[in-house]
Amino acid sequence: MPWDDALLAVLPTDVAGLPLIPEPDAFAASASDASLVRDAAAGVVTLAVDPMGNDYAVAFVHRLRPGIYDDGWFRGWRDSFDEGVCEQAGGVTGNAEAEIGGRTTYIGTCAGGVLTYHAQLTTEAGELVVSVQSLGDKRLGEQVMAGLRP
C-alpha cells in the first residue's frame, strides 16, 4: 500500500501549536498488515508530540478501496485498532461516541489512559478513515479530529 501525500490535506497542520509531522517509517510498519493492504488503497501517518510533557497523538489516514466501506467494516476496523493500541496500555476499558468537528467520532479508552478516535470521511478521492491514538491532558487526538478537513 503506497504513501499518498494528498491524504495529509485532511489533517490539521498542527494541534495545540505542535506540528503534525509525517512519519513514513511508522506508515511502512502499519502498511504490512495483510487486512489493511487488502482494504486500503493508500495511507499516511503523522505524529504530534509535546516535548515538555507526556502529550502525543499519532494520526492514521487511509483511503479505502472502492466498495470496502460499510458500517460493519468500520466497526471491525475500530475494534481491531483499539485492541492493538490498548494491548500495550492495559486493554480496552470503554467506548463512546461524540460529535467532534461536526462529525460522529468514536472514542476508545485504554486502561493506561490512552484514547483512540475514529471518523469516516467521504471525499472526492473516495472513502477515508481517520484513526488517532493519543495520550495526555491536552487531548491532542481530540484536536486532530476537530480539525479534520473533508
C-alpha atoms as a PDB file:
ATOM      1  CA  MET A   1       0.000   0.000   0.000  1.00  0.00           C
ATOM      2  CA  PRO A   2       1.549   3.328  -1.017  1.00  0.00           C
ATOM      3  CA  TRP A   3       2.003   6.536   0.955  1.00  0.00           C
ATOM      4  CA  ASP A   4      -0.193   9.302  -0.513  1.00  0.00           C
ATOM      5  CA  ASP A   5       0.797  12.881   0.383  1.00  0.00           C
ATOM      6  CA  ALA A   6      -2.639  14.090  -0.779  1.00  0.00           C
ATOM      7  CA  LEU A   7      -4.178  12.438   2.303  1.00  0.00           C
ATOM      8  CA  LEU A   8      -2.255  14.824   4.564  1.00  0.00           C
ATOM      9  CA  ALA A   9      -4.614  17.581   3.386  1.00  0.00           C
ATOM     10  CA  VAL A  10      -7.488  16.234   5.514  1.00  0.00           C
ATOM     11  CA  LEU A  11      -5.460  16.671   8.719  1.00  0.00           C
ATOM     12  CA  PRO A  12      -4.836  19.947  10.513  1.00  0.00           C
ATOM     13  CA  THR A  13      -1.259  21.179  10.110  1.00  0.00           C
ATOM     14  CA  ASP A  14      -0.856  21.493  13.886  1.00  0.00           C
ATOM     15  CA  VAL A  15      -2.626  20.854  17.186  1.00  0.00           C
ATOM     16  CA  ALA A  16      -2.058  22.973  20.304  1.00  0.00           C
ATOM     17  CA  GLY A  17       0.771  24.672  18.394  1.00  0.00           C
ATOM     18  CA  LEU A  18       2.511  21.332  17.752  1.00  0.00           C
ATOM     19  CA  PRO A  19       3.064  20.348  14.108  1.00  0.00           C
ATOM     20  CA  LEU A  20       1.684  17.083  12.771  1.00  0.00           C
ATOM     21  CA  ILE A  21       4.843  15.554  11.330  1.00  0.00           C
ATOM     22  CA  PRO A  22       4.583  12.931   8.557  1.00  0.00           C
ATOM     23  CA  GLU A  23       6.022   9.575   9.693  1.00  0.00           C
ATOM     24  CA  PRO A  24       6.749   7.371   6.662  1.00  0.00           C
ATOM     25  CA  ASP A  25       8.581   4.780   8.795  1.00  0.00           C
ATOM     26  CA  ALA A  26       5.572   4.305  11.076  1.00  0.00           C
ATOM     27  CA  PHE A  27       3.393   4.071   7.981  1.00  0.00           C
ATOM     28  CA  ALA A  28       5.643   1.383   6.491  1.00  0.00           C
ATOM     29  CA  ALA A  29       5.245  -0.698   9.656  1.00  0.00           C
ATOM     30  CA  SER A  30       1.439  -0.395   9.616  1.00  0.00           C
ATOM     31  CA  ALA A  31       1.260  -0.960   5.853  1.00  0.00           C
ATOM     32  CA  SER A  32       2.481  -4.523   6.309  1.00  0.00           C
ATOM     33  CA  ASP A  33      -0.826  -5.578   7.928  1.00  0.00           C
ATOM     34  CA  ALA A  34      -2.445  -8.004   5.463  1.00  0.00           C
ATOM     35  CA  SER A  35      -6.049  -6.912   6.113  1.00  0.00           C
ATOM     36  CA  LEU A  36      -5.117  -3.253   5.770  1.00  0.00           C
ATOM     37  CA  VAL A  37      -3.298  -3.905   2.490  1.00  0.00           C
ATOM     38  CA  ARG A  38      -6.401  -5.766   1.264  1.00  0.00           C
ATOM     39  CA  ASP A  39      -8.819  -2.957   2.214  1.00  0.00           C
ATOM     40  CA  ALA A  40      -6.861   0.303   1.852  1.00  0.00           C
ATOM     41  CA  ALA A  41      -5.524   1.769  -1.376  1.00  0.00           C
ATOM     42  CA  ALA A  42      -3.199   4.311   0.286  1.00  0.00           C
ATOM     43  CA  GLY A  43      -2.432   5.964   3.588  1.00  0.00           C
ATOM     44  CA  VAL A  44      -0.340   8.295   5.738  1.00  0.00           C
ATOM     45  CA  VAL A  45       0.727   8.506   9.386  1.00  0.00           C
ATOM     46  CA  THR A  46       1.557  11.693  11.294  1.00  0.00           C
ATOM     47  CA  LEU A  47       2.774  12.433  14.806  1.00  0.00           C
ATOM     48  CA  ALA A  48       2.437  15.379  17.185  1.00  0.00           C
ATOM     49  CA  VAL A  49       4.477  15.304  20.402  1.00  0.00           C
ATOM     50  CA  ASP A  50       4.709  17.834  23.193  1.00  0.00           C
ATOM     51  CA  PRO A  51       8.383  17.748  24.221  1.00  0.00           C
ATOM     52  CA  MET A  52       7.506  19.373  27.549  1.00  0.00           C
ATOM     53  CA  GLY A  53       5.026  16.721  28.676  1.00  0.00           C
ATOM     54  CA  ASN A  54       3.517  13.319  28.045  1.00  0.00           C
ATOM     55  CA  ASP A  55       1.120  14.511  25.349  1.00  0.00           C
ATOM     56  CA  TYR A  56       1.186  12.905  21.924  1.00  0.00           C
ATOM     57  CA  ALA A  57      -1.096  11.986  19.031  1.00  0.00           C
ATOM     58  CA  VAL A  58      -0.453   9.561  16.187  1.00  0.00           C
ATOM     59  CA  ALA A  59      -2.903  10.039  13.301  1.00  0.00           C
ATOM     60  CA  PHE A  60      -3.540   7.446  10.591  1.00  0.00           C
ATOM     61  CA  VAL A  61      -5.457   8.292   7.398  1.00  0.00           C
ATOM     62  CA  HIS A  62      -6.373   5.551   4.939  1.00  0.00           C
ATOM     63  CA  ARG A  63      -8.192   5.782   1.629  1.00  0.00           C
ATOM     64  CA  LEU A  64     -10.202   2.612   1.220  1.00  0.00           C
ATOM     65  CA  ARG A  65     -10.564   0.612  -1.946  1.00  0.00           C
ATOM     66  CA  PRO A  66     -13.960   1.113  -3.654  1.00  0.00           C
ATOM     67  CA  GLY A  67     -16.784  -0.938  -2.171  1.00  0.00           C
ATOM     68  CA  ILE A  68     -14.969  -1.767   1.096  1.00  0.00           C
ATOM     69  CA  TYR A  69     -16.581   0.722   3.484  1.00  0.00           C
ATOM     70  CA  ASP A  70     -19.776  -0.124   5.330  1.00  0.00           C
ATOM     71  CA  ASP A  71     -20.832   0.114   8.978  1.00  0.00           C
ATOM     72  CA  GLY A  72     -19.736  -3.449   9.731  1.00  0.00           C
ATOM     73  CA  TRP A  73     -16.303  -2.912   8.216  1.00  0.00           C
ATOM     74  CA  PHE A  74     -15.857   0.329  10.166  1.00  0.00           C
ATOM     75  CA  ARG A  75     -16.870  -1.325  13.448  1.00  0.00           C
ATOM     76  CA  GLY A  76     -14.371  -4.133  12.843  1.00  0.00           C
ATOM     77  CA  TRP A  77     -11.649  -1.606  11.995  1.00  0.00           C
ATOM     78  CA  ARG A  78     -12.264   0.383  15.186  1.00  0.00           C
ATOM     79  CA  ASP A  79     -12.278  -2.757  17.348  1.00  0.00           C
ATOM     80  CA  SER A  80      -9.058  -4.061  15.786  1.00  0.00           C
ATOM     81  CA  PHE A  81      -7.289  -0.689  16.039  1.00  0.00           C
ATOM     82  CA  ASP A  82      -8.363  -0.202  19.659  1.00  0.00           C
ATOM     83  CA  GLU A  83      -7.289  -3.709  20.652  1.00  0.00           C
ATOM     84  CA  GLY A  84      -3.884  -3.198  19.034  1.00  0.00           C
ATOM     85  CA  VAL A  85      -3.304   0.173  20.677  1.00  0.00           C
ATOM     86  CA  CYS A  86      -4.723  -0.784  24.064  1.00  0.00           C
ATOM     87  CA  GLU A  87      -2.877  -4.108  24.223  1.00  0.00           C
ATOM     88  CA  GLN A  88       0.215  -2.065  25.100  1.00  0.00           C
ATOM     89  CA  ALA A  89      -1.738   0.120  27.538  1.00  0.00           C
ATOM     90  CA  GLY A  90      -3.623  -2.364  29.737  1.00  0.00           C
ATOM     91  CA  GLY A  91      -6.501  -3.343  27.421  1.00  0.00           C
ATOM     92  CA  VAL A  92      -9.685  -1.652  26.186  1.00  0.00           C
ATOM     93  CA  THR A  93     -11.840  -0.371  29.053  1.00  0.00           C
ATOM     94  CA  GLY A  94     -14.544   1.570  27.235  1.00  0.00           C
ATOM     95  CA  ASN A  95     -16.069   3.007  24.100  1.00  0.00           C
ATOM     96  CA  ALA A  96     -18.021   6.197  23.488  1.00  0.00           C
ATOM     97  CA  GLU A  97     -19.394   8.266  20.653  1.00  0.00           C
ATOM     98  CA  ALA A  98     -19.291  12.067  20.380  1.00  0.00           C
ATOM     99  CA  GLU A  99     -19.790  14.853  17.883  1.00  0.00           C
ATOM    100  CA  ILE A 100     -16.354  16.390  17.239  1.00  0.00           C
ATOM    101  CA  GLY A 101     -15.706  18.837  14.438  1.00  0.00           C
ATOM    102  CA  GLY A 102     -19.252  18.356  13.128  1.00  0.00           C
ATOM    103  CA  ARG A 103     -18.942  14.600  12.582  1.00  0.00           C
ATOM    104  CA  THR A 104     -19.571  11.443  14.542  1.00  0.00           C
ATOM    105  CA  THR A 105     -16.381  10.356  16.256  1.00  0.00           C
ATOM    106  CA  TYR A 106     -15.914   7.031  18.002  1.00  0.00           C
ATOM    107  CA  ILE A 107     -13.679   7.089  21.076  1.00  0.00           C
ATOM    108  CA  GLY A 108     -11.961   4.145  22.701  1.00  0.00           C
ATOM    109  CA  THR A 109     -10.386   4.167  26.157  1.00  0.00           C
ATOM    110  CA  CYS A 110      -7.406   2.071  27.249  1.00  0.00           C
ATOM    111  CA  ALA A 111      -6.704   1.110  30.863  1.00  0.00           C
ATOM    112  CA  GLY A 112      -3.448   3.085  30.757  1.00  0.00           C
ATOM    113  CA  GLY A 113      -5.151   6.367  29.783  1.00  0.00           C
ATOM    114  CA  VAL A 114      -4.528   6.210  26.033  1.00  0.00           C
ATOM    115  CA  LEU A 115      -7.530   7.272  23.947  1.00  0.00           C
ATOM    116  CA  THR A 116      -8.383   6.351  20.361  1.00  0.00           C
ATOM    117  CA  TYR A 117     -10.527   8.365  17.964  1.00  0.00           C
ATOM    118  CA  HIS A 118     -12.110   7.260  14.693  1.00  0.00           C
ATOM    119  CA  ALA A 119     -14.026   9.081  11.967  1.00  0.00           C
ATOM    120  CA  GLN A 120     -15.074   8.365   8.400  1.00  0.00           C
ATOM    121  CA  LEU A 121     -14.900  10.986   5.651  1.00  0.00           C
ATOM    122  CA  THR A 122     -16.462  10.798   2.211  1.00  0.00           C
ATOM    123  CA  THR A 123     -14.365  12.812  -0.232  1.00  0.00           C
ATOM    124  CA  GLU A 124     -13.998  13.174  -3.989  1.00  0.00           C
ATOM    125  CA  ALA A 125     -10.964  10.893  -3.670  1.00  0.00           C
ATOM    126  CA  GLY A 126     -13.065   8.189  -2.001  1.00  0.00           C
ATOM    127  CA  GLU A 127     -13.902   6.875   1.446  1.00  0.00           C
ATOM    128  CA  LEU A 128     -11.347   7.793   4.101  1.00  0.00           C
ATOM    129  CA  VAL A 129     -10.967   6.568   7.655  1.00  0.00           C
ATOM    130  CA  VAL A 130      -9.036   8.603  10.194  1.00  0.00           C
ATOM    131  CA  SER A 131      -7.867   6.921  13.388  1.00  0.00           C
ATOM    132  CA  VAL A 132      -5.815   8.529  16.134  1.00  0.00           C
ATOM    133  CA  GLN A 133      -4.175   7.274  19.297  1.00  0.00           C
ATOM    134  CA  SER A 134      -3.467   9.910  21.889  1.00  0.00           C
ATOM    135  CA  LEU A 135      -2.315  10.437  25.451  1.00  0.00           C
ATOM    136  CA  GLY A 136      -2.206  13.463  27.706  1.00  0.00           C
ATOM    137  CA  ASP A 137      -4.190  16.270  29.233  1.00  0.00           C
ATOM    138  CA  LYS A 138      -4.011  18.395  26.070  1.00  0.00           C
ATOM    139  CA  ARG A 139      -6.209  15.824  24.290  1.00  0.00           C
ATOM    140  CA  LEU A 140      -4.266  16.187  21.051  1.00  0.00           C
ATOM    141  CA  GLY A 141      -6.239  13.357  19.454  1.00  0.00           C
ATOM    142  CA  GLU A 142      -9.487  15.218  20.021  1.00  0.00           C
ATOM    143  CA  GLN A 143      -7.929  18.316  18.498  1.00  0.00           C
ATOM    144  CA  VAL A 144      -6.858  16.342  15.420  1.00  0.00           C
ATOM    145  CA  MET A 145     -10.440  15.152  14.960  1.00  0.00           C
ATOM    146  CA  ALA A 146     -11.848  18.667  15.489  1.00  0.00           C
ATOM    147  CA  GLY A 147      -9.520  19.989  12.777  1.00  0.00           C
ATOM    148  CA  LEU A 148     -10.262  17.428  10.074  1.00  0.00           C
ATOM    149  CA  ARG A 149     -10.912  18.966   6.667  1.00  0.00           C
ATOM    150  CA  PRO A 150     -13.110  16.962   4.296  1.00  0.00           C
END
